[in-house]
Amino acid sequence: MSVLAELAAFVVGAKASDLPAAGRERLALHVADTVVAALAGANIPEGRALQNFGGDAGLAGLVGRQAAAARLTEIDDIHLASCTTPSAGVVPVALRLAEHLRIFDAERVASAIWVGTEITTRLGLGINGPQALYRGIWPTYLAVPAGAAAAAARMLDLDEARAAHALSLALMLIAGGVGRIHGAPSGRWFLYANAVAGGVAAALAARAGYTGDPALLDKNWLADTHGIALDRDGLIDKLGATSVYSSLSMKPFCSAKQAVAAVEAFCALLQEGVRPPAIDKVRVRVPTAYAVMIATRAVPGARQSTMVSVAHQMALAALAPQRLYDVDRSTPHGDEAVTRLAAKIEVIPAPTLDAFYPRHWPAAVEVEAGGQLFERRVVAARGDPEHPLDRAALDDKAHRVLDPLLGAARVDEWLRLCHDALADSAACERLAGAFAGAAAGEAVK
């Protein structure tokens, strides 16, 4: 059996109901987490610009832009070992197709989300995503067309042969590399939206009879065409026997994941009594792979830089913690105190932490304050599999992110929809309808 045939058999046959109870619970929480991200993204200027973009008005384009609205918030989930952010590119596909097709089978929707998430992360693992990232490959951008195609194929009820063609066509859309994109609205999200849309379109094309190359992954196609090695055996190893949900991380606040452990370590020292006015110097030690990345300095009004800069994030944690949950950040904040504290924070590559990476993305923080040295190391941060966010923590995050955008009462309504969605068809229909309307700024019904 070809690699694509094995992947297709999983896509059309895997059942979310066969997951252990813990896996089903995590899947439901990741659905809610992704809806929160999509709502936040749709209600900030950069997300609205994406929705209003005069591009493809067809189904695939609409789904892609709603997925990108979730991804641009930097509060969506992430799989560390593959360096992919899977749910943003899969959950909107399943929910929007459920509404479009008027198919509200909660089991099918949950299964579509699982298979799409699994395909995305396995492709990221197959190309060694954490290593590929730092040579100019965006692992999520490379993998998400296939993940979206998998979710769409399941929602469209394709058979194994058609699903294999959908995956093949989606893989042929692989780009992977992006340049250094600056400014807002960022072309990064235009590219991501098109990648998701391409995956949906591939499944629709396969349903219409278009064919791909069923033997595509049995060759060295990815290496020959893109210079990217692929672990084909790992792609299908124990496929369906295990679930990725036990190894997915959720972000506790809005941030590049590479900065989260350092912020957590710094917050722990603050809670132990370190006073921000007394701080003279802060050293942040992280694995060599991402030290340069998070050493970036925040540029007021350039929202992406404020999420990548660990110095800015740590200064916010000390002086304006609610702003960690602000997914907009498009309006410059003239807070001199934040700027002064951030200037005291230095990022240092730490080879001693390299052994933890990429299974964990750790940080060790040293603070000099009042003539004393305070130290804290975090290997597994809050939201990682070792310290997962539960429903209460997710609800708290949702309110912190969305209350300023939607109001607490509407956020409660959305959370009820999300938490009930995979329980039965009626609940699934309510969430799918509301999610489709949310892209146009409509209220929960």
Protein backbone atom coordinates (compact mmCIF):
# COMPACT_ATOMS: atom_id res chain seq x y z
CA MET A 1 0.00 0.00 0.00
CA SER A 2 1.33 3.45 -0.89
CA VAL A 3 2.02 6.08 1.76
CA LEU A 4 -0.84 8.23 0.48
CA ALA A 5 -3.19 5.23 0.50
CA GLU A 6 -2.37 4.59 4.15
CA LEU A 7 -2.91 8.26 5.00
CA ALA A 8 -6.20 8.26 3.08
CA ALA A 9 -7.42 5.13 4.87
CA PHE A 10 -6.84 6.91 8.17
CA VAL A 11 -8.54 10.09 6.95
CA VAL A 12 -11.76 8.34 5.93
CA GLY A 13 -11.84 5.67 8.63
CA ALA A 14 -10.57 7.11 11.92
CA LYS A 15 -13.29 7.81 14.49
CA ALA A 16 -12.95 10.36 17.24
CA SER A 17 -15.27 8.19 19.35
CA ASP A 18 -12.49 5.58 19.44
CA LEU A 19 -10.14 7.98 21.18
CA PRO A 20 -9.66 7.47 24.93
CA ALA A 21 -11.84 9.72 27.07
CA ALA A 22 -8.88 11.96 27.84
CA GLY A 23 -8.17 12.36 24.12
CA ARG A 24 -11.79 13.29 23.37
CA GLU A 25 -11.75 15.84 26.17
CA ARG A 26 -8.56 17.42 24.87
CA LEU A 27 -9.95 17.53 21.34
CA ALA A 28 -13.03 19.40 22.58
CA LEU A 29 -10.88 21.88 24.50
CA HIS A 30 -8.73 22.54 21.44
CA VAL A 31 -11.87 23.20 19.41
CA ALA A 32 -12.96 25.79 21.98
CA ASP A 33 -9.48 27.30 22.11
CA THR A 34 -9.43 27.69 18.32
CA VAL A 35 -12.87 29.27 18.19
CA VAL A 36 -11.72 31.79 20.81
CA ALA A 37 -8.72 32.61 18.62
CA ALA A 38 -10.87 32.96 15.50
CA LEU A 39 -13.28 35.28 17.27
CA ALA A 40 -10.45 37.43 18.57
CA GLY A 41 -8.83 37.61 15.16
CA ALA A 42 -12.08 38.55 13.44
CA ASN A 43 -12.54 41.48 15.81
CA ILE A 44 -9.19 43.27 15.46
CA PRO A 45 -8.09 45.50 12.57
CA GLU A 46 -5.68 43.02 10.97
CA GLY A 47 -8.27 40.24 11.05
CA ARG A 48 -11.01 42.51 9.69
CA ALA A 49 -8.70 43.63 6.89
CA LEU A 50 -8.22 39.96 5.98
CA GLN A 51 -11.97 39.28 5.93
CA ASN A 52 -12.60 42.38 3.82
CA PHE A 53 -9.81 41.55 1.40
CA GLY A 54 -11.20 41.55 -2.12
CA GLY A 55 -9.97 38.09 -2.99
CA ASP A 56 -11.69 34.77 -3.55
CA ALA A 57 -15.30 34.94 -2.35
CA GLY A 58 -15.76 31.18 -2.80
CA LEU A 59 -16.09 28.69 0.03
CA ALA A 60 -12.41 27.71 0.14
CA GLY A 61 -11.27 31.33 0.27
CA LEU A 62 -13.72 32.21 3.03
CA VAL A 63 -12.60 29.25 5.12
CA GLY A 64 -8.94 30.10 4.55
CA ARG A 65 -9.36 33.68 5.72
CA GLN A 66 -11.23 32.62 8.85
CA ALA A 67 -8.45 30.15 9.62
CA ALA A 68 -5.88 32.89 9.16
CA ALA A 69 -7.82 35.14 11.54
CA ALA A 70 -7.34 32.48 14.21
CA ARG A 71 -3.65 31.93 13.40
CA LEU A 72 -2.66 35.62 13.42
CA THR A 73 -3.69 36.04 17.06
CA GLU A 74 -0.78 33.95 18.42
CA ILE A 75 -3.11 32.42 21.01
CA ASP A 76 -3.83 29.24 19.06
CA ASP A 77 -2.35 25.86 19.93
CA ILE A 78 1.01 24.45 18.89
CA HIS A 79 2.73 21.07 18.61
CA LEU A 80 6.29 21.64 19.77
CA ALA A 81 8.01 18.59 18.33
CA SER A 82 6.74 19.34 14.81
CA CYS A 83 6.78 23.13 15.19
CA THR A 84 3.28 23.30 13.68
CA THR A 85 0.16 25.14 14.83
CA PRO A 86 -2.46 22.64 13.66
CA SER A 87 -5.90 23.53 14.97
CA ALA A 88 -6.18 26.98 13.39
CA GLY A 89 -5.96 25.39 9.94
CA VAL A 90 -8.33 22.51 10.68
CA VAL A 91 -11.13 23.50 13.09
CA PRO A 92 -12.47 26.30 10.83
CA VAL A 93 -12.47 23.86 7.89
CA ALA A 94 -14.64 21.33 9.73
CA LEU A 95 -17.03 23.89 11.20
CA ARG A 96 -17.50 25.90 8.01
CA LEU A 97 -18.03 22.78 5.89
CA ALA A 98 -20.52 21.44 8.44
CA GLU A 99 -22.55 24.61 7.99
CA HIS A 100 -22.12 24.71 4.21
CA LEU A 101 -23.03 21.05 3.71
CA ARG A 102 -25.70 21.11 6.45
CA ILE A 103 -24.03 18.10 8.03
CA PHE A 104 -24.09 18.40 11.80
CA ASP A 105 -22.98 14.92 12.81
CA ALA A 106 -20.82 15.72 15.83
CA GLU A 107 -18.88 12.50 15.36
CA ARG A 108 -17.97 13.38 11.78
CA VAL A 109 -16.96 16.91 12.71
CA ALA A 110 -14.79 15.70 15.60
CA SER A 111 -13.22 13.01 13.40
CA ALA A 112 -12.47 15.53 10.65
CA ILE A 113 -10.73 17.76 13.17
CA TRP A 114 -8.69 14.87 14.54
CA VAL A 115 -7.50 13.57 11.17
CA GLY A 116 -6.62 17.05 9.93
CA THR A 117 -4.68 17.80 13.10
CA GLU A 118 -2.87 14.47 12.92
CA ILE A 119 -1.86 14.91 9.28
CA THR A 120 -0.59 18.45 9.92
CA THR A 121 1.59 17.49 12.86
CA ARG A 122 2.90 14.31 11.26
CA LEU A 123 4.04 16.24 8.22
CA GLY A 124 5.77 18.74 10.52
CA LEU A 125 7.50 15.87 12.29
CA GLY A 126 8.33 14.25 8.97
CA ILE A 127 10.31 17.30 7.81
CA ASN A 128 11.86 17.92 11.28
CA GLY A 129 9.92 21.17 11.57
CA PRO A 130 11.94 22.73 14.42
CA GLN A 131 15.13 22.40 12.39
CA ALA A 132 13.45 23.45 9.13
CA LEU A 133 12.05 26.60 10.72
CA TYR A 134 15.45 28.15 11.25
CA ARG A 135 16.50 27.59 7.66
CA GLY A 136 13.58 29.59 6.30
CA ILE A 137 10.82 26.96 6.15
CA TRP A 138 7.54 27.74 7.93
CA PRO A 139 6.47 24.21 8.94
CA THR A 140 2.81 25.11 9.43
CA TYR A 141 2.63 26.80 6.03
CA LEU A 142 4.11 23.68 4.46
CA ALA A 143 1.85 21.20 6.24
CA VAL A 144 -1.49 23.01 6.50
CA PRO A 145 -2.73 22.41 2.91
CA ALA A 146 -2.64 18.66 3.55
CA GLY A 147 -4.17 19.03 7.01
CA ALA A 148 -7.00 21.17 5.66
CA ALA A 149 -7.51 18.74 2.78
CA ALA A 150 -7.75 15.84 5.23
CA ALA A 151 -10.39 17.59 7.34
CA ALA A 152 -12.31 18.62 4.22
CA ALA A 153 -12.13 15.12 2.72
CA ARG A 154 -13.69 13.68 5.85
CA MET A 155 -16.46 16.29 5.92
CA LEU A 156 -17.13 15.65 2.21
CA ASP A 157 -17.30 11.89 2.90
CA LEU A 158 -14.75 11.04 0.21
CA ASP A 159 -13.79 7.41 -0.26
CA GLU A 160 -10.18 6.29 0.16
CA ALA A 161 -9.24 6.77 -3.50
CA ARG A 162 -10.70 10.30 -3.66
CA ALA A 163 -9.13 11.18 -0.28
CA ALA A 164 -5.72 10.06 -1.57
CA HIS A 165 -6.13 12.34 -4.59
CA ALA A 166 -7.15 15.21 -2.30
CA LEU A 167 -4.03 14.75 -0.18
CA SER A 168 -1.85 14.43 -3.26
CA LEU A 169 -3.22 17.63 -4.81
CA ALA A 170 -2.82 19.47 -1.51
CA LEU A 171 0.78 18.30 -1.14
CA MET A 172 1.55 19.61 -4.61
CA LEU A 173 0.55 23.07 -3.31
CA ILE A 174 3.42 22.98 -0.82
CA ALA A 175 5.47 26.15 -0.67
CA GLY A 176 6.97 26.15 2.81
CA GLY A 177 9.35 29.08 2.61
CA VAL A 178 8.44 32.70 3.30
CA GLY A 179 10.56 35.81 3.34
CA ARG A 180 10.94 38.36 6.13
CA ILE A 181 7.55 40.02 5.99
CA HIS A 182 7.10 43.29 7.87
CA GLY A 183 4.26 45.75 8.27
CA ALA A 184 0.52 45.36 8.67
CA PRO A 185 -1.67 43.95 7.40
CA SER A 186 0.94 41.25 7.06
CA GLY A 187 1.25 39.25 3.87
CA ARG A 188 2.08 36.31 6.14
CA TRP A 189 -1.63 35.84 6.86
CA PHE A 190 -2.57 36.24 3.19
CA LEU A 191 -0.20 33.36 2.43
CA TYR A 192 -1.54 31.23 5.28
CA ALA A 193 -5.16 31.85 4.25
CA ASN A 194 -4.33 30.73 0.71
CA ALA A 195 -2.59 27.61 2.02
CA VAL A 196 -5.69 26.55 3.97
CA ALA A 197 -7.95 27.48 1.06
CA GLY A 198 -5.78 25.41 -1.25
CA GLY A 199 -6.25 22.36 0.93
CA VAL A 200 -10.04 22.78 0.95
CA ALA A 201 -10.03 23.34 -2.79
CA ALA A 202 -7.96 20.17 -3.29
CA ALA A 203 -10.62 18.11 -1.50
CA LEU A 204 -13.39 19.76 -3.52
CA ALA A 205 -11.45 19.07 -6.72
CA ALA A 206 -10.96 15.43 -5.77
CA ARG A 207 -14.70 15.11 -5.14
CA ALA A 208 -15.27 16.54 -8.63
CA GLY A 209 -13.05 13.85 -10.14
CA TYR A 210 -9.68 15.59 -10.43
CA THR A 211 -6.74 13.29 -9.84
CA GLY A 212 -3.32 13.69 -8.31
CA ASP A 213 -0.34 11.35 -8.06
CA PRO A 214 -1.20 8.50 -5.65
CA ALA A 215 2.48 7.47 -5.50
CA LEU A 216 3.73 10.99 -4.74
CA LEU A 217 5.18 10.17 -1.32
CA ASP A 218 6.63 6.83 -2.34
CA LYS A 219 9.36 8.70 -4.19
CA ASN A 220 11.86 11.36 -3.14
CA TRP A 221 9.51 14.00 -4.50
CA LEU A 222 9.80 16.49 -1.62
CA ALA A 223 13.59 16.27 -1.57
CA ASP A 224 13.90 16.48 -5.33
CA THR A 225 11.54 19.43 -5.77
CA HIS A 226 11.98 21.39 -2.53
CA GLY A 227 15.21 20.11 -1.01
CA ILE A 228 13.34 18.91 2.08
CA ALA A 229 13.91 15.42 3.45
CA LEU A 230 10.78 13.56 4.55
CA ASP A 231 10.59 10.70 7.03
CA ARG A 232 7.99 8.65 5.19
CA ASP A 233 8.02 5.80 7.70
CA GLY A 234 7.38 8.19 10.59
CA LEU A 235 4.48 9.71 8.67
CA ILE A 236 2.47 6.51 8.93
CA ASP A 237 3.96 4.84 12.03
CA LYS A 238 1.15 3.80 14.40
CA LEU A 239 -1.23 6.02 12.45
CA GLY A 240 -4.61 5.89 14.16
CA ALA A 241 -3.30 3.89 17.12
CA THR A 242 -2.18 7.02 18.94
CA SER A 243 -3.41 10.59 19.13
CA VAL A 244 -1.53 13.86 18.88
CA TYR A 245 -3.76 15.48 21.50
CA SER A 246 -1.66 14.22 24.40
CA SER A 247 1.30 16.21 23.06
CA LEU A 248 -0.35 19.47 21.93
CA SER A 249 0.34 22.70 23.82
CA MET A 250 -2.04 25.57 24.43
CA LYS A 251 -0.76 29.11 24.86
CA PRO A 252 -1.79 30.71 28.16
CA PHE A 253 -1.61 34.21 26.64
CA CYS A 254 -0.81 35.95 23.36
CA SER A 255 2.82 35.23 22.48
CA ALA A 256 5.24 33.47 20.23
CA LYS A 257 5.59 30.13 21.99
CA GLN A 258 9.38 30.56 22.19
CA ALA A 259 8.86 33.36 24.74
CA VAL A 260 6.27 31.71 27.00
CA ALA A 261 8.61 29.81 29.35
CA ALA A 262 10.70 32.94 30.01
CA VAL A 263 7.61 34.99 30.82
CA GLU A 264 6.40 32.28 33.19
CA ALA A 265 9.77 32.06 34.95
CA PHE A 266 9.91 35.85 35.31
CA CYS A 267 6.35 35.97 36.68
CA ALA A 268 7.28 33.35 39.28
CA LEU A 269 10.14 35.54 40.50
CA LEU A 270 7.83 38.56 40.66
CA GLN A 271 5.36 36.56 42.73
CA GLU A 272 8.19 35.64 45.10
CA GLY A 273 8.81 39.30 45.83
CA VAL A 274 11.08 40.73 43.12
CA ARG A 275 9.92 44.33 42.64
CA PRO A 276 10.15 45.78 39.10
CA PRO A 277 11.57 49.17 40.23
CA ALA A 278 14.46 47.34 41.91
CA ILE A 279 15.48 45.37 38.82
CA ASP A 280 18.92 46.25 37.46
CA LYS A 281 19.42 43.49 34.88
CA VAL A 282 17.63 40.42 33.51
CA ARG A 283 19.27 37.59 31.57
CA VAL A 284 17.12 35.16 29.63
CA ARG A 285 18.82 31.93 28.59
CA VAL A 286 17.10 29.81 25.96
CA PRO A 287 18.05 27.09 23.46
CA THR A 288 20.35 28.29 20.71
CA ALA A 289 17.75 27.63 18.01
CA TYR A 290 15.48 30.53 18.93
CA ALA A 291 17.62 32.92 20.97
CA VAL A 292 18.08 35.38 18.11
CA MET A 293 14.39 35.26 17.26
CA ILE A 294 13.06 36.28 20.68
CA ALA A 295 15.86 38.81 21.18
CA THR A 296 13.96 40.97 18.66
CA ARG A 297 13.01 44.35 20.08
CA ALA A 298 9.37 45.41 19.93
CA VAL A 299 8.45 48.16 17.50
CA PRO A 300 5.41 50.19 18.66
CA GLY A 301 2.49 49.52 16.35
CA ALA A 302 4.13 46.48 14.73
CA ARG A 303 1.98 43.91 16.50
CA GLN A 304 3.96 40.82 15.50
CA SER A 305 7.17 42.23 17.01
CA THR A 306 5.48 42.72 20.38
CA MET A 307 4.59 39.02 20.49
CA VAL A 308 8.03 37.80 19.44
CA SER A 309 10.09 40.08 21.70
CA VAL A 310 10.57 38.28 25.00
CA ALA A 311 11.80 41.51 26.61
CA HIS A 312 8.58 43.29 25.73
CA GLN A 313 6.45 40.36 26.89
CA MET A 314 8.28 40.16 30.21
CA ALA A 315 7.97 43.91 30.76
CA LEU A 316 4.23 43.67 30.11
CA ALA A 317 3.97 40.79 32.58
CA ALA A 318 5.55 42.95 35.26
CA LEU A 319 3.86 46.28 34.58
CA ALA A 320 0.73 45.72 32.47
CA PRO A 321 -0.17 42.01 32.63
CA GLN A 322 -3.61 42.35 31.01
CA ARG A 323 -1.89 43.52 27.83
CA LEU A 324 -0.44 40.01 27.45
CA TYR A 325 -3.96 39.05 26.36
CA ASP A 326 -4.31 41.89 23.84
CA VAL A 327 -4.23 40.22 20.43
CA ASP A 328 -4.49 43.54 18.59
CA ARG A 329 -1.47 45.59 19.67
CA SER A 330 -1.78 47.65 16.48
CA THR A 331 -2.03 50.88 18.46
CA PRO A 332 1.35 52.02 19.80
CA HIS A 333 1.52 52.24 23.60
CA GLY A 334 3.75 55.05 24.81
CA ASP A 335 4.51 53.37 28.12
CA GLU A 336 8.00 54.50 29.02
CA ALA A 337 8.16 52.22 32.05
CA VAL A 338 7.61 49.14 29.86
CA THR A 339 10.28 50.35 27.44
CA ARG A 340 12.79 51.01 30.22
CA LEU A 341 12.30 47.58 31.80
CA ALA A 342 12.49 45.82 28.43
CA ALA A 343 15.82 47.55 27.77
CA LYS A 344 17.27 45.81 30.86
CA ILE A 345 16.48 42.34 29.49
CA GLU A 346 19.15 40.43 27.56
CA VAL A 347 18.70 37.16 25.67
CA ILE A 348 21.60 34.68 25.75
CA PRO A 349 21.89 31.40 23.78
CA ALA A 350 22.30 28.55 26.24
CA PRO A 351 23.72 25.33 24.78
CA THR A 352 22.97 23.62 28.10
CA LEU A 353 19.25 23.96 27.29
CA ASP A 354 19.58 22.60 23.75
CA ALA A 355 19.04 19.03 24.93
CA PHE A 356 15.45 19.85 25.93
CA TYR A 357 14.58 21.21 22.48
CA PRO A 358 12.33 20.59 20.54
CA ARG A 359 10.26 18.42 22.89
CA HIS A 360 10.28 21.39 25.26
CA TRP A 361 10.99 25.08 24.64
CA PRO A 362 12.56 26.07 27.96
CA ALA A 363 14.03 29.22 29.49
CA ALA A 364 16.21 30.09 32.48
CA VAL A 365 15.81 33.62 33.86
CA GLU A 366 18.26 35.45 36.11
CA VAL A 367 17.25 38.76 37.71
CA GLU A 368 19.65 41.14 39.43
CA ALA A 369 17.69 43.33 41.84
CA GLY A 370 18.73 45.17 44.99
CA GLY A 371 22.14 43.56 45.02
CA GLN A 372 20.69 40.05 44.92
CA LEU A 373 20.47 37.40 42.19
CA PHE A 374 17.18 35.56 41.64
CA GLU A 375 16.92 32.57 39.33
CA ARG A 376 14.15 30.41 37.90
CA ARG A 377 14.09 27.81 35.13
CA VAL A 378 10.96 26.60 33.34
CA VAL A 379 11.20 23.59 31.04
CA ALA A 380 7.53 22.68 30.58
CA ALA A 381 5.44 25.85 30.68
CA ARG A 382 1.80 26.24 31.63
CA GLY A 383 -0.26 24.96 28.73
CA ASP A 384 2.25 22.28 27.78
CA PRO A 385 1.19 18.62 28.08
CA GLU A 386 2.81 18.35 31.52
CA HIS A 387 0.75 21.33 32.75
CA PRO A 388 -2.30 21.45 30.49
CA LEU A 389 -4.95 24.13 30.59
CA ASP A 390 -8.22 22.67 31.83
CA ARG A 391 -11.69 23.97 31.03
CA ALA A 392 -11.63 26.56 33.79
CA ALA A 393 -8.25 27.88 32.66
CA LEU A 394 -9.41 27.99 29.05
CA ASP A 395 -12.53 29.91 30.02
CA ASP A 396 -10.42 32.38 31.98
CA LYS A 397 -8.14 32.88 28.97
CA ALA A 398 -11.17 33.37 26.73
CA HIS A 399 -12.58 36.08 28.96
CA ARG A 400 -9.24 37.88 29.26
CA VAL A 401 -8.83 37.86 25.48
CA LEU A 402 -12.41 38.41 24.34
CA ASP A 403 -14.16 40.49 27.03
CA PRO A 404 -12.65 43.76 25.73
CA LEU A 405 -13.74 42.81 22.20
CA LEU A 406 -17.16 41.19 22.70
CA GLY A 407 -18.22 41.71 26.31
CA ALA A 408 -18.36 39.08 29.05
CA ALA A 409 -21.97 38.01 28.39
CA ARG A 410 -21.32 37.19 24.74
CA VAL A 411 -18.12 35.36 25.66
CA ASP A 412 -20.09 33.17 28.07
CA GLU A 413 -22.54 32.37 25.24
CA TRP A 414 -19.70 31.39 22.93
CA LEU A 415 -18.09 29.20 25.57
CA ARG A 416 -21.36 27.35 26.16
CA LEU A 417 -21.62 26.75 22.41
CA CYS A 418 -18.05 25.48 22.22
CA HIS A 419 -18.20 23.17 25.20
CA ASP A 420 -21.46 21.56 24.02
CA ALA A 421 -20.59 21.37 20.32
CA LEU A 422 -19.32 17.82 20.10
CA ALA A 423 -21.99 16.40 22.38
CA ASP A 424 -24.82 16.09 19.84
CA SER A 425 -25.99 17.26 16.43
CA ALA A 426 -28.13 20.13 17.69
CA ALA A 427 -25.21 21.63 19.62
CA CYS A 428 -22.90 21.09 16.65
CA GLU A 429 -25.37 22.91 14.37
CA ARG A 430 -25.56 25.88 16.74
CA LEU A 431 -21.78 26.28 16.88
CA ALA A 432 -21.27 25.78 13.14
CA GLY A 433 -23.92 28.39 12.33
CA ALA A 434 -22.57 30.89 14.82
CA PHE A 435 -18.99 30.33 13.66
CA ALA A 436 -19.92 30.94 10.03
CA GLY A 437 -21.71 34.14 11.04
CA ALA A 438 -18.79 35.30 13.16
CA ALA A 439 -16.66 35.84 10.08
CA ALA A 440 -19.11 38.54 9.05
CA GLY A 441 -19.28 40.01 12.56
CA GLU A 442 -22.67 38.53 13.38
CA ALA A 443 -23.70 37.85 16.98
CA VAL A 444 -24.34 34.47 18.57
CA LYS A 445 -27.85 33.27 17.86
